[in-house]
Protein backbone atom coordinates (compact mmCIF):
# COMPACT_ATOMS: atom_id res chain seq x y z
CA MET A 1 51.81 251.63 155.30
CA ASN A 2 54.46 249.71 157.21
CA PHE A 3 51.86 247.10 157.95
CA ASN A 4 51.19 246.60 154.23
CA ARG A 5 54.91 246.27 153.50
CA LYS A 6 55.29 243.57 156.12
CA GLU A 7 52.27 241.78 154.77
CA ASN A 8 53.62 241.96 151.21
CA ARG A 9 57.04 240.65 152.33
CA GLY A 10 55.34 237.74 154.08
CA LYS A 11 53.35 236.87 150.99
CA TYR A 12 56.50 237.09 148.89
CA ARG A 13 58.40 234.76 151.22
CA LYS A 14 55.52 232.29 151.13
CA ARG A 15 55.40 232.39 147.33
CA LYS A 16 59.17 231.98 147.14
CA TRP A 17 59.12 229.06 149.62
CA SER A 18 56.24 227.47 147.69
CA ARG A 19 58.20 227.70 144.45
CA TRP A 20 61.23 226.17 146.20
CA ARG A 21 59.17 223.31 147.55
CA ILE A 22 57.66 222.75 144.14
CA PHE A 23 61.15 222.75 142.66
CA LEU A 24 62.39 220.24 145.24
CA ALA A 25 59.33 218.09 144.71
CA LYS A 26 59.96 218.12 140.99
CA CYS A 27 63.59 217.15 141.57
CA ARG A 28 62.56 214.31 143.88
CA ALA A 29 59.97 213.17 141.38
CA LYS A 30 62.54 213.33 138.65
CA LYS A 31 64.97 211.32 140.76
CA ARG A 32 62.29 208.75 141.45
CA MET A 33 61.49 208.61 137.78
CA ASN A 34 65.18 208.19 136.97
CA LEU A 35 65.44 205.49 139.63
CA TYR A 36 62.36 203.70 138.31
CA PHE A 37 63.71 204.01 134.81
CA LEU A 38 67.07 202.59 135.90
CA ILE A 39 65.37 199.69 137.67
CA GLY A 40 63.27 199.07 134.58
CA VAL A 41 66.35 199.05 132.36
CA ILE A 42 68.08 196.58 134.69
CA VAL A 43 65.04 194.27 134.85
CA TYR A 44 64.59 194.47 131.09
CA SER A 45 68.29 193.76 130.51
CA VAL A 46 68.26 190.76 132.82
CA PHE A 47 65.09 189.48 131.14
CA MET A 48 66.63 189.88 127.69
CA ILE A 49 69.82 188.13 128.80
CA PHE A 50 67.82 185.17 130.09
CA LEU A 51 65.72 185.21 126.94
CA MET A 52 68.80 185.20 124.74
CA ILE A 53 70.36 182.37 126.75
CA ASN A 54 67.12 180.44 126.51
CA MET A 55 66.89 181.10 122.77
CA MET A 56 70.49 180.00 122.30
CA TYR A 57 69.80 176.85 124.34
CA LYS A 58 66.61 176.13 122.41
CA TYR A 59 68.42 176.81 119.15
CA GLU A 60 71.16 174.37 120.15
CA LEU A 61 68.53 171.85 121.20
CA TYR A 62 66.60 172.36 117.94
CA ASN A 63 69.74 171.77 115.90
CA ALA A 64 70.64 168.81 118.09
CA LYS A 65 67.29 167.14 117.51
CA ASN A 66 67.86 167.37 113.77
CA LYS A 67 71.06 165.34 114.00
CA LEU A 68 70.52 163.00 116.94
CA ILE A 69 72.60 159.82 116.99
CA THR A 70 70.68 156.62 117.69
CA TYR A 71 71.66 153.03 118.39
CA THR A 72 72.17 150.76 115.39
CA GLU A 73 73.34 147.37 116.65
CA VAL A 74 74.64 145.67 119.80
CA SER A 75 78.38 145.07 119.73
CA LYS A 76 81.54 145.57 121.77
CA GLU A 77 82.49 148.50 119.54
CA SER A 78 79.19 150.33 120.13
CA ASP A 79 79.52 149.67 123.87
CA GLU A 80 82.77 151.61 123.99
CA GLU A 81 81.10 154.73 122.60
CA TRP A 82 77.68 154.54 124.21
CA VAL A 83 78.68 153.67 127.78
CA LYS A 84 80.82 156.84 127.92
CA VAL A 85 77.99 158.92 126.48
CA LEU A 86 75.36 157.55 128.84
CA ARG A 87 77.57 157.86 131.92
CA ASP A 88 79.33 161.19 131.32
CA GLY A 89 77.20 163.11 128.81
CA GLU A 90 75.13 166.17 129.73
CA ILE A 91 71.38 165.49 129.81
CA MET A 92 70.00 168.59 128.10
CA ASP A 93 66.31 167.92 127.73
CA CYS A 94 63.75 165.25 128.64
CA SER A 95 60.14 164.68 127.66
CA LEU A 96 57.62 162.05 128.67
CA PHE A 97 57.40 159.08 126.32
CA GLN A 98 53.95 157.51 125.96
CA PRO A 99 53.78 154.75 123.32
CA LYS A 100 50.44 154.91 121.51
CA ASP A 101 50.03 151.18 121.03
CA GLU A 102 51.37 150.07 124.40
CA ASP A 103 49.70 150.14 127.80
CA ALA A 104 52.98 150.38 129.73
CA ILE A 105 53.04 150.62 133.52
CA SER A 106 56.50 152.19 133.70
CA GLU A 107 57.31 155.87 133.37
CA LYS A 108 59.66 156.53 130.44
CA HIS A 109 61.37 159.69 129.18
CA ILE A 110 63.12 160.52 125.93
CA CYS A 111 66.28 162.49 126.74
CA VAL A 112 68.76 164.36 124.57
CA VAL A 113 72.36 163.83 125.75
CA LYS A 114 75.21 166.14 124.76
CA TYR A 115 78.69 164.64 124.71
CA LYS A 116 82.06 166.11 123.76
CA ASP A 117 84.65 163.52 122.77
CA GLY A 118 88.42 163.65 123.23
CA ASP A 119 88.87 165.51 119.92
CA GLY A 120 86.56 168.31 121.05
CA ASP A 121 83.73 167.32 118.72
CA THR A 122 80.25 167.75 120.21
CA ARG A 123 77.61 165.16 119.38
CA TYR A 124 74.00 164.74 120.46
CA TYR A 125 72.43 161.40 121.29
CA LYS A 126 68.83 160.26 121.62
CA THR A 127 68.24 158.11 124.70
CA LEU A 128 65.46 156.55 126.75
CA ALA A 129 65.31 156.80 130.55
CA LYS A 130 63.44 154.65 133.07
CA LEU A 131 63.02 155.52 136.75
CA VAL A 132 65.02 153.53 139.27
CA TYR A 133 63.48 154.97 142.43
CA THR A 134 60.92 157.54 143.47
CA HIS A 135 61.12 160.50 145.83
CA SER A 136 58.57 162.14 148.07
CA PHE A 137 58.13 165.89 148.34
CA PHE A 138 58.29 165.64 152.10
CA SER A 139 60.93 162.98 152.58
CA PHE A 140 63.49 161.28 150.42
CA ASP A 141 63.01 158.05 152.37
CA VAL A 142 59.57 157.29 151.03
CA TYR A 143 58.87 153.64 151.58
CA LYS A 144 59.40 151.86 154.85
CA ASN A 145 61.19 148.57 154.29
CA LYS A 146 62.97 145.97 156.35
CA GLU A 147 66.18 144.48 155.00
CA ILE A 148 66.20 140.73 155.43
CA ASP A 149 68.77 138.01 154.86
CA ILE A 150 67.35 134.87 153.25
CA GLU A 151 70.11 132.85 154.91
CA GLU A 152 68.63 133.75 158.29
CA GLU A 153 64.94 134.17 157.42
CA LYS A 154 64.03 131.05 155.49
CA ASP A 155 60.28 131.74 155.50
CA TYR A 156 60.50 135.12 153.83
CA ASN A 157 57.62 134.08 151.51
CA VAL A 158 58.08 136.91 149.03
CA LEU A 159 55.39 136.89 146.39
CA ARG A 160 56.59 139.44 143.86
CA ARG A 161 58.31 142.76 143.39
CA ALA A 162 56.50 145.85 144.59
CA LEU A 163 56.55 149.28 142.90
CA ARG A 164 56.74 147.70 139.45
CA VAL A 165 56.38 151.12 137.85
CA TYR A 166 60.06 151.73 138.69
CA GLN A 167 61.83 149.39 136.28
CA GLY A 168 65.28 150.91 136.00
CA PHE A 169 67.40 148.76 138.27
CA PRO A 170 66.44 145.34 136.75
CA GLU A 171 67.32 146.69 133.31
CA ILE A 172 70.81 147.63 134.50
CA VAL A 173 71.33 144.27 136.22
CA THR A 174 70.17 142.34 133.13
CA TYR A 175 72.55 144.36 130.95
CA HIS A 176 75.49 143.28 133.12
CA VAL A 177 74.27 139.65 133.16
CA ASP A 178 74.14 139.78 129.36
CA ARG A 179 77.73 141.01 129.16
CA VAL A 180 79.01 138.45 131.66
CA MET A 181 77.33 135.74 129.57
CA ASP A 182 79.03 137.28 126.51
CA LEU A 183 75.71 137.41 124.62
CA TYR A 184 75.66 141.06 123.53
CA MET A 185 71.92 140.94 122.99
CA LYS A 186 70.95 143.87 125.24
CA PRO A 187 71.68 147.56 124.55
CA PRO A 188 73.71 149.26 127.31
CA PHE A 189 71.90 150.46 130.44
CA VAL A 190 73.67 152.89 132.76
CA GLY A 191 72.53 154.22 136.12
CA ARG A 192 72.89 157.91 136.96
CA THR A 193 71.03 160.81 138.57
CA VAL A 194 69.20 163.77 137.05
CA THR A 195 67.44 166.69 138.76
CA ASN A 196 63.67 167.08 138.82
CA ARG A 197 64.02 170.35 136.86
CA VAL A 198 65.62 168.50 133.93
CA LEU A 199 63.51 165.35 133.95
CA TYR A 200 60.23 167.23 134.31
CA GLY A 201 61.29 170.40 132.49
CA LYS A 202 58.55 170.19 129.89
CA MET A 203 55.54 170.95 132.05
CA MET A 204 52.78 170.95 129.46
CA TYR A 205 53.83 167.98 127.37
CA VAL A 206 50.91 165.78 128.36
CA THR A 207 48.17 166.09 125.75
CA PRO A 208 45.32 166.13 124.97
CA ILE A 209 44.33 168.31 127.91
CA PHE A 210 40.73 167.06 128.00
CA ASN A 211 41.82 163.48 128.70
CA TYR A 212 41.24 162.77 132.40
CA LYS A 213 44.23 160.43 132.69
CA ASN A 214 46.52 162.95 131.02
CA ILE A 215 45.24 165.77 133.24
CA LYS A 216 46.27 163.72 136.28
CA LEU A 217 49.68 163.09 134.72
CA MET A 218 50.12 166.77 133.91
CA ILE A 219 49.32 167.77 137.51
CA LYS A 220 51.66 165.08 138.81
CA TYR A 221 54.63 166.07 136.64
CA ASN A 222 54.07 169.82 137.04
CA SER A 223 54.07 169.46 140.81
CA LYS A 224 57.39 167.60 140.60
CA PHE A 225 58.87 170.35 138.44
CA PHE A 226 57.62 173.26 140.58
CA TYR A 227 58.64 171.67 143.87
CA PRO A 228 60.75 174.42 145.53
CA MET A 229 63.73 172.16 146.20
CA HIS A 230 65.98 170.67 143.56
CA TYR A 231 66.42 166.96 144.15
CA ASP A 232 68.13 164.14 142.32
CA ILE A 233 66.20 161.30 140.70
CA GLU A 234 67.90 157.98 139.97
CA ILE A 235 67.35 156.79 136.41
CA ALA A 236 68.50 154.00 134.10
CA ILE A 237 69.39 155.43 130.71
CA THR A 238 69.82 153.50 127.45
CA PRO A 239 70.28 154.35 123.76
CA TRP A 240 67.26 154.88 121.55
CA VAL A 241 67.17 151.85 119.25
CA GLN A 242 66.04 152.36 115.67
CA ARG A 243 64.61 149.83 113.21
CA ILE A 244 63.27 147.41 115.81
CA GLU A 245 60.37 145.12 115.07
CA GLN A 246 58.38 142.44 116.85
CA LYS A 247 58.92 138.85 115.73
CA THR A 248 57.59 135.99 117.84
CA PRO A 249 59.30 132.60 117.37
CA ASP A 250 56.93 130.27 115.56
CA ILE A 251 55.84 126.71 116.31
CA LEU A 252 58.62 125.33 114.09
CA HIS A 253 61.18 126.82 116.47
CA LYS A 254 59.32 125.29 119.39
CA ASN A 255 59.45 121.85 117.79
CA LEU A 256 63.14 122.23 117.00
CA LEU A 257 64.11 123.46 120.47
CA THR A 258 61.98 120.91 122.32
CA LEU A 259 63.11 118.11 119.95
CA ARG A 260 59.60 117.58 118.62
CA TYR A 261 60.75 118.15 115.03
CA LYS A 262 60.45 114.92 113.07
CA HIS A 263 62.70 114.28 110.07
CA ASN A 264 62.93 110.78 108.63
CA ASN A 265 61.08 109.61 111.73
CA ASP A 266 63.98 110.80 113.90
CA PRO A 267 63.16 113.78 116.14
CA THR A 268 66.84 114.52 116.83
CA LEU A 269 68.33 115.02 113.34
CA LEU A 270 69.61 118.50 112.55
CA ASN A 271 71.25 117.82 109.20
CA SER A 272 68.39 119.16 107.06
CA ILE A 273 67.57 122.25 109.13
CA PRO A 274 68.49 125.49 107.27
CA ILE A 275 71.36 127.46 108.77
CA GLU A 276 69.13 130.49 109.44
CA HIS A 277 67.00 128.28 111.67
CA ILE A 278 70.10 127.15 113.56
CA ASN A 279 71.10 130.79 114.17
CA SER A 280 67.65 131.80 115.39
CA MET A 281 67.45 128.67 117.58
CA LYS A 282 70.69 129.69 119.29
CA GLN A 283 69.38 133.20 119.94
CA ILE A 284 66.02 132.04 121.28
CA SER A 285 67.70 129.53 123.58
CA ASP A 286 70.16 132.19 124.82
CA ILE A 287 67.31 134.58 125.61
CA MET A 288 65.41 131.95 127.59
CA ILE A 289 68.50 131.00 129.60
CA ALA A 290 69.18 134.67 130.39
CA ASP A 291 65.53 135.24 131.30
CA TYR A 292 65.63 132.37 133.77
CA LEU A 293 68.80 133.69 135.40
CA VAL A 294 67.23 137.14 135.92
CA ASP A 295 63.72 135.77 136.66
CA GLU A 296 62.06 137.50 133.69
CA HIS A 297 58.51 136.21 133.10
CA ASP A 298 57.27 138.88 130.72
CA ARG A 299 58.83 137.23 127.66
CA SER A 300 55.84 134.93 127.48
CA GLN A 301 54.07 137.88 125.85
CA SER A 302 54.65 138.19 122.11
CA LYS A 303 55.21 141.96 122.30
CA ASN A 304 58.54 141.44 124.08
CA TRP A 305 60.15 139.36 121.33
CA ILE A 306 61.91 142.29 119.68
CA GLY A 307 64.84 142.53 117.30
CA TYR A 308 66.14 144.06 114.10
CA ASN A 309 67.45 143.02 110.71
CA ILE A 310 71.21 143.40 110.51
CA THR A 311 72.09 145.91 107.79
CA GLY A 312 73.01 144.32 104.47
CA THR A 313 71.87 140.83 105.45
CA ASP A 314 68.69 138.80 105.90
CA HIS A 315 69.79 137.87 109.42
CA PHE A 316 67.40 138.81 112.23
CA GLN A 317 68.99 139.69 115.56
CA TYR A 318 66.85 139.20 118.67
CA LEU A 319 67.31 141.54 121.63
CA LEU A 320 66.97 141.06 125.37
CA TRP A 321 64.23 143.67 125.31
CA ASP A 322 62.32 145.18 128.23
CA ASN A 323 63.57 143.45 131.37
CA GLY A 324 62.00 145.99 133.71
CA LEU A 325 60.01 143.30 135.53
CA SER A 326 62.99 141.00 136.14
CA LEU A 327 64.09 139.73 139.57
CA ASN A 328 60.41 139.18 140.20
CA HIS A 329 60.73 136.89 143.23
CA GLY A 330 63.86 138.25 144.84
CA PRO A 331 67.28 136.57 144.90
CA LEU A 332 65.92 133.07 144.24
CA ASN A 333 63.39 131.78 141.74
CA LYS A 334 60.35 129.76 142.67
CA ASP A 335 60.12 126.18 141.41
CA SER A 336 57.50 127.24 138.87
CA CYS A 337 59.94 129.74 137.31
CA ILE A 338 61.41 126.90 135.25
CA ASN A 339 58.39 127.49 132.99
CA ILE A 340 60.29 130.47 131.63
CA LEU A 341 61.93 127.85 129.41
CA CYS A 342 58.51 127.07 127.89
CA GLY A 343 58.78 130.03 125.51
CA PRO A 344 56.10 132.48 124.34
CA ILE A 345 52.45 131.87 125.07
CA GLU A 346 51.80 130.86 121.43
CA TRP A 347 53.84 127.69 122.07
CA TYR A 348 51.29 126.14 124.38
CA LYS A 349 47.57 126.22 124.99
CA ASP A 350 47.58 126.25 128.77
CA ARG A 351 50.74 126.49 130.84
CA LYS A 352 48.87 125.20 133.91
CA ILE A 353 48.29 121.90 132.13
CA GLY A 354 51.96 121.67 131.28
CA CYS A 355 54.39 122.78 128.61
CA ASP A 356 57.49 121.50 126.89
CA LEU A 357 60.74 122.97 128.16
CA ILE A 358 63.42 123.67 125.57
CA CYS A 359 66.16 121.05 125.42
CA ARG A 360 68.47 122.50 122.79
CA PHE A 361 71.09 125.08 123.66
CA ASN A 362 73.81 127.19 122.12
CA PHE A 363 76.98 125.31 123.07
CA LYS A 364 79.13 128.46 123.02
CA THR A 365 76.89 130.05 125.65
CA ILE A 366 76.77 126.91 127.78
CA TYR A 367 80.54 126.49 127.51
CA ASN A 368 80.95 130.06 128.77
CA LEU A 369 78.64 129.29 131.71
CA ILE A 370 80.57 126.06 132.42
CA SER A 371 83.65 128.19 133.06
CA PHE A 372 81.94 129.64 136.15
CA LEU A 373 81.43 126.18 137.70
CA ASN A 374 83.69 124.44 140.14
CA PRO A 375 85.87 121.80 138.38
CA ASN A 376 84.32 119.20 140.69
CA HIS A 377 80.76 120.16 139.76
CA PRO A 378 78.61 117.05 139.01
CA PHE A 379 77.84 118.32 135.49
CA ILE A 380 81.58 118.55 134.72
CA GLN A 381 82.29 115.13 136.17
CA ALA A 382 79.47 113.52 134.15
CA ASN A 383 80.29 115.14 130.78
CA HIS A 384 83.97 116.10 130.89
CA ASN A 385 85.13 114.24 127.79
CA LEU A 386 82.19 115.40 125.65
CA ILE A 387 82.64 119.01 126.78
CA SER A 388 86.35 118.88 125.86
CA SER A 389 85.55 117.38 122.48
CA PHE A 390 82.84 119.88 121.60
CA SER A 391 84.91 122.87 122.79
CA GLN A 392 87.42 122.22 120.00
CA ASP A 393 84.73 123.10 117.44
CA ILE A 394 84.04 126.64 118.65
CA LEU A 395 86.05 129.82 118.58
CA PHE A 396 86.43 130.79 122.20
CA SER A 397 89.05 132.98 123.83
CA PRO A 398 90.32 131.68 127.19
CA GLN A 399 92.48 134.71 128.09
CA SER A 400 90.31 135.61 131.09
CA TYR A 401 90.24 132.04 132.41
CA GLN A 402 92.33 130.08 134.81
CA SER A 403 93.31 126.78 133.24
CA SER A 404 92.12 123.77 135.19
CA SER A 405 93.94 120.51 135.64
CA GLN A 406 91.34 118.97 133.32
CA SER A 407 92.52 119.47 129.76
CA GLY A 408 90.27 121.25 127.32
CA ILE A 409 88.12 123.05 129.89
CA TYR A 410 88.90 126.46 131.34
CA PHE A 411 87.52 127.81 134.59
CA ARG A 412 87.33 131.36 135.87
CA ASP A 413 88.68 132.57 139.18
CA GLU A 414 85.27 133.98 140.13
CA SER A 415 81.83 132.43 140.31
CA PHE A 416 78.97 133.59 138.09
CA GLY A 417 77.47 135.77 140.82
CA SER A 418 80.81 137.28 141.77
CA SER A 419 81.51 138.14 138.12
CA ILE A 420 78.15 139.93 137.87
CA ASN A 421 78.91 141.82 141.08
CA ALA A 422 82.34 142.85 139.74
CA SER A 423 80.71 144.14 136.55
CA LEU A 424 78.07 146.06 138.51
CA THR A 425 80.73 147.96 140.48
CA ASN A 426 81.29 150.06 137.35
CA ASP A 427 77.77 151.49 137.61
CA LEU A 428 77.21 154.78 139.44
CA LEU A 429 74.20 153.37 141.34
CA TYR A 430 76.02 150.27 142.64
CA PRO A 431 75.02 147.95 144.31
CA LEU A 432 71.58 148.48 142.66
CA PHE A 433 69.88 145.57 144.45
CA ASN A 434 69.08 147.93 147.33
CA TYR A 435 66.46 149.53 145.03
CA GLY A 436 64.50 146.28 144.86
CA LEU A 437 61.47 146.41 147.15
CA TYR A 438 59.28 143.35 147.65
CA ARG A 439 55.88 142.73 149.18
CA LYS A 440 56.20 140.14 151.94
CA ASN A 441 52.59 139.03 151.69
CA LEU A 442 49.40 140.26 150.07
CA LYS A 443 48.04 141.77 153.30
CA ASP A 444 50.96 144.17 153.66
CA SER A 445 50.19 147.86 153.30
CA ASP A 446 51.54 149.86 150.39
CA TYR A 447 54.36 151.19 152.57
CA ASN A 448 55.41 147.96 154.28
CA PHE A 449 57.94 146.27 152.03
CA VAL A 450 61.07 144.18 152.46
CA SER A 451 64.40 144.34 150.69
CA PHE A 452 67.23 141.81 150.51
CA LYS A 453 70.91 142.12 151.16
CA PRO A 454 72.83 142.55 147.89
CA GLU A 455 74.94 139.47 148.64
CA ASN A 456 71.72 137.40 148.59
CA PHE A 457 71.26 138.27 144.92
CA ILE A 458 74.91 137.52 144.14
CA HIS A 459 74.59 134.08 145.71
CA GLY A 460 71.20 133.61 144.04
CA PHE A 461 72.77 133.83 140.56
CA ASP A 462 75.02 130.88 141.42
CA VAL A 463 72.06 128.88 142.70
CA LYS A 464 70.05 129.56 139.53
CA LEU A 465 73.04 128.60 137.36
CA ASP A 466 73.17 125.22 139.13
CA LEU A 467 69.45 124.74 138.42
CA ILE A 468 70.03 125.48 134.73
CA PHE A 469 72.69 122.77 134.56
CA ASN A 470 70.37 120.36 136.37
CA HIS A 471 67.85 120.89 133.56
CA ILE A 472 70.53 120.52 130.87
CA GLN A 473 71.62 117.23 132.44
CA THR A 474 68.00 116.03 132.31
CA CYS A 475 67.94 116.85 128.58
CA ILE A 476 71.23 114.99 128.06
CA ASP A 477 69.84 111.93 129.81
CA GLN A 478 66.76 112.01 127.59
CA PHE A 479 68.19 112.98 124.18
CA SER A 480 72.01 112.56 124.47
CA PHE A 481 74.77 115.18 124.63
CA GLN A 482 75.31 115.37 120.86
CA ASN A 483 71.64 116.10 120.09
CA ILE A 484 70.94 118.96 122.47
CA PHE A 485 73.84 121.32 121.68
CA LEU A 486 73.95 123.64 118.68
CA LEU A 487 77.42 124.42 117.31
């Protein structure tokens, strides 16, 4: 009997302990469930917060794209606004830009820039970005190059610029050359950096997916976006210009600028030329002079003669458009580069046979360039009286000049190259010329390039300016001072 009682008590204890263990197990399971639930709530909350932030950002971006500000015309007033926007604005979004009717070699991106002015008003601007330099996933010093000094290495024998897909730095340099020449024919270009996550943020923008070339681009840009490290990419950013159109100067302009235009059997008379032709002749001449100074050969193609009609007038304004292939031969031009003054390819049948160089120039532009010369320069000595006489017929402000001992002509304290260098110091990527890589000869490997000291380029601008005045003097000797300058 006692044995049965003990046995029953043992069974009871076991059942009680089993219930207790079951109870504890249920509590632990409940705690785990509560913990899992809490973790789930936290994850869901974080996800929703990010989703809401993303939706707010996308909503802001969507609204921004409906009221984007674009560039209307080149002027000092527009420079004041746009340079601040391009330099200090927040780059919100970028997408690859692939023109349908253009087989471009450069990589371009359309970027939305957010800028808050001094009054607290927020505006959104549409811009275009070109790459200045590339980066490797494994090293930020991608291309091996040797810096050379053309003063020491006379036989540098550079053929042309390498890595022509990266066209940002020549655009910035040409913009500053344009402003130093006081042309205002090129929209502002500003250098700055942007992260790979912003520039390549739209991973699937390359379409259609079945296009082999686009598949390669998609893989390339996705890999840059998903690279585990954030890294900065140097870009040149400029306003998006509306209302532009292509307009190649015709043969009439060639004949006028090369003094082949015959009127009353006199090829030099300008009296009967319509004023709109005079204005366009000045612009075309200014563009060719600027192109020679920056060694831009791509203007021979008709597609690069771009401009716009000024609002409310019939006046067509040419632009210094697409200078991404400038500085083609390094700091100095080759002798054959003078053919830049031959104009677009429609002006001649075969440039190898020979072409007519322009011999008419905008006197206001030339007078501005004269101010960078030394007072004892041969061009000044040969034409001093005529320069003084013609300068009285133009509106020109000499505030930034140092008056010379020769009356009627003003000279600057700095040379042409030094003035360009002083202007470039305002850019965030200064000195910029260090981004120019050149192939020393055709047998060099893809990673064996040379670069030049920045001071070589600064001096090179002065050398090229002297060569321009040598050509102008040749035109004067052939056609006379009065016939080659347009007032």
